[in-house]
């Protein structure tokens, strides 16, 4: 999903500013955790009907983008 920006919001008033699916309090971290615990897309949508498959893909795309843009800074003493 290239347009994850359309689905993900960052608002300091919602879940302490963690990235959430727009219109919900469900964070990207929540979705990644469910997927990591072997929940299927269908199971997630069944448990959280406010989510769509597209929302789950947006969370994955957001996480992939963040990972791609993560840089490790090494300092020497």
C-alpha atoms as a PDB file:
ATOM      1  CA  UNK A   1       0.000   0.000   0.000  1.00  0.00           C
ATOM      2  CA  UNK A   2       1.596   3.221  -1.127  1.00  0.00           C
ATOM      3  CA  UNK A   3      -0.949   5.616   0.389  1.00  0.00           C
ATOM      4  CA  UNK A   4      -0.759   4.597   4.027  1.00  0.00           C
ATOM      5  CA  UNK A   5      -0.795   8.318   4.888  1.00  0.00           C
ATOM      6  CA  UNK A   6      -4.494   8.356   4.013  1.00  0.00           C
ATOM      7  CA  UNK A   7      -5.229   5.730   6.667  1.00  0.00           C
ATOM      8  CA  UNK A   8      -2.812   6.533   9.518  1.00  0.00           C
ATOM      9  CA  UNK A   9      -3.047   9.512  11.847  1.00  0.00           C
ATOM     10  CA  UNK A  10      -0.815  10.851  14.589  1.00  0.00           C
ATOM     11  CA  UNK A  11      -2.650  12.887  17.192  1.00  0.00           C
ATOM     12  CA  UNK A  12      -1.168  13.672  20.607  1.00  0.00           C
ATOM     13  CA  UNK A  13      -4.694  13.563  22.056  1.00  0.00           C
ATOM     14  CA  UNK A  14      -5.268   9.940  20.949  1.00  0.00           C
ATOM     15  CA  UNK A  15      -3.264   7.054  22.438  1.00  0.00           C
ATOM     16  CA  UNK A  16      -0.438   9.426  23.449  1.00  0.00           C
ATOM     17  CA  UNK A  17       0.297  10.312  19.813  1.00  0.00           C
ATOM     18  CA  UNK A  18       0.965   6.755  18.664  1.00  0.00           C
ATOM     19  CA  UNK A  19       0.127   6.132  14.999  1.00  0.00           C
ATOM     20  CA  UNK A  20      -3.508   4.994  14.767  1.00  0.00           C
ATOM     21  CA  UNK A  21      -5.918   3.992  12.069  1.00  0.00           C
ATOM     22  CA  UNK A  22      -7.879   7.171  11.322  1.00  0.00           C
ATOM     23  CA  UNK A  23     -11.218   7.339  13.084  1.00  0.00           C
ATOM     24  CA  UNK A  24     -10.224   4.679  15.631  1.00  0.00           C
ATOM     25  CA  UNK A  25      -8.059   4.310  18.713  1.00  0.00           C
ATOM     26  CA  UNK A  26      -6.421   1.223  17.210  1.00  0.00           C
ATOM     27  CA  UNK A  27      -2.666   1.679  16.858  1.00  0.00           C
ATOM     28  CA  UNK A  28      -0.286   0.308  14.280  1.00  0.00           C
ATOM     29  CA  UNK A  29       1.416  -1.423  17.216  1.00  0.00           C
ATOM     30  CA  UNK A  30      -1.888  -3.172  18.107  1.00  0.00           C
ATOM     31  CA  UNK A  31      -2.252  -4.511  14.566  1.00  0.00           C
ATOM     32  CA  UNK A  32       1.374  -5.635  14.340  1.00  0.00           C
ATOM     33  CA  UNK A  33       0.983  -7.425  17.662  1.00  0.00           C
ATOM     34  CA  UNK A  34      -2.119  -9.250  16.508  1.00  0.00           C
ATOM     35  CA  UNK A  35      -0.439 -10.328  13.298  1.00  0.00           C
ATOM     36  CA  UNK A  36       2.654 -11.427  15.236  1.00  0.00           C
ATOM     37  CA  UNK A  37       0.442 -13.541  17.495  1.00  0.00           C
ATOM     38  CA  UNK A  38      -0.773 -15.349  14.343  1.00  0.00           C
ATOM     39  CA  UNK A  39      -4.162 -13.690  13.962  1.00  0.00           C
ATOM     40  CA  UNK A  40      -5.317 -13.635  10.355  1.00  0.00           C
ATOM     41  CA  UNK A  41      -6.617 -10.523   8.628  1.00  0.00           C
ATOM     42  CA  UNK A  42     -10.108 -12.035   8.768  1.00  0.00           C
ATOM     43  CA  UNK A  43      -9.837 -12.705  12.510  1.00  0.00           C
ATOM     44  CA  UNK A  44      -8.727  -9.141  13.177  1.00  0.00           C
ATOM     45  CA  UNK A  45     -11.567  -7.678  11.123  1.00  0.00           C
ATOM     46  CA  UNK A  46     -14.029 -10.036  12.824  1.00  0.00           C
ATOM     47  CA  UNK A  47     -12.853  -8.922  16.284  1.00  0.00           C
ATOM     48  CA  UNK A  48     -12.581  -5.253  15.283  1.00  0.00           C
ATOM     49  CA  UNK A  49     -15.231  -4.600  12.608  1.00  0.00           C
ATOM     50  CA  UNK A  50     -14.249  -0.926  12.390  1.00  0.00           C
ATOM     51  CA  UNK A  51     -11.076  -2.119  10.632  1.00  0.00           C
ATOM     52  CA  UNK A  52     -10.756  -3.192   7.024  1.00  0.00           C
ATOM     53  CA  UNK A  53      -8.155  -5.266   5.233  1.00  0.00           C
ATOM     54  CA  UNK A  54      -6.937  -1.996   3.733  1.00  0.00           C
ATOM     55  CA  UNK A  55      -6.380  -0.604   7.249  1.00  0.00           C
ATOM     56  CA  UNK A  56      -4.241  -3.625   8.147  1.00  0.00           C
ATOM     57  CA  UNK A  57      -2.197  -3.209   4.979  1.00  0.00           C
ATOM     58  CA  UNK A  58      -1.756   0.487   5.774  1.00  0.00           C
ATOM     59  CA  UNK A  59      -0.406  -0.422   9.226  1.00  0.00           C
ATOM     60  CA  UNK A  60       2.077  -2.808   7.627  1.00  0.00           C
ATOM     61  CA  UNK A  61       3.106  -0.204   5.056  1.00  0.00           C
ATOM     62  CA  UNK A  62       3.560   2.401   7.792  1.00  0.00           C
ATOM     63  CA  UNK A  63       5.769   0.012   9.785  1.00  0.00           C
ATOM     64  CA  UNK A  64       7.775  -0.866   6.667  1.00  0.00           C
ATOM     65  CA  UNK A  65       8.267   2.811   5.877  1.00  0.00           C
ATOM     66  CA  UNK A  66       9.386   3.552   9.424  1.00  0.00           C
ATOM     67  CA  UNK A  67      11.822   0.638   9.295  1.00  0.00           C
ATOM     68  CA  UNK A  68      13.202   1.813   5.962  1.00  0.00           C
ATOM     69  CA  UNK A  69      13.804   5.275   7.380  1.00  0.00           C
ATOM     70  CA  UNK A  70      15.355   4.156  10.675  1.00  0.00           C
ATOM     71  CA  UNK A  71      18.976   5.055  11.054  1.00  0.00           C
ATOM     72  CA  UNK A  72      21.339   3.827  13.728  1.00  0.00           C
ATOM     73  CA  UNK A  73      23.661   6.435  15.099  1.00  0.00           C
ATOM     74  CA  UNK A  74      26.937   5.140  16.450  1.00  0.00           C
ATOM     75  CA  UNK A  75      28.870   7.324  18.777  1.00  0.00           C
ATOM     76  CA  UNK A  76      32.444   6.790  19.796  1.00  0.00           C
ATOM     77  CA  UNK A  77      33.782   7.572  23.197  1.00  0.00           C
END
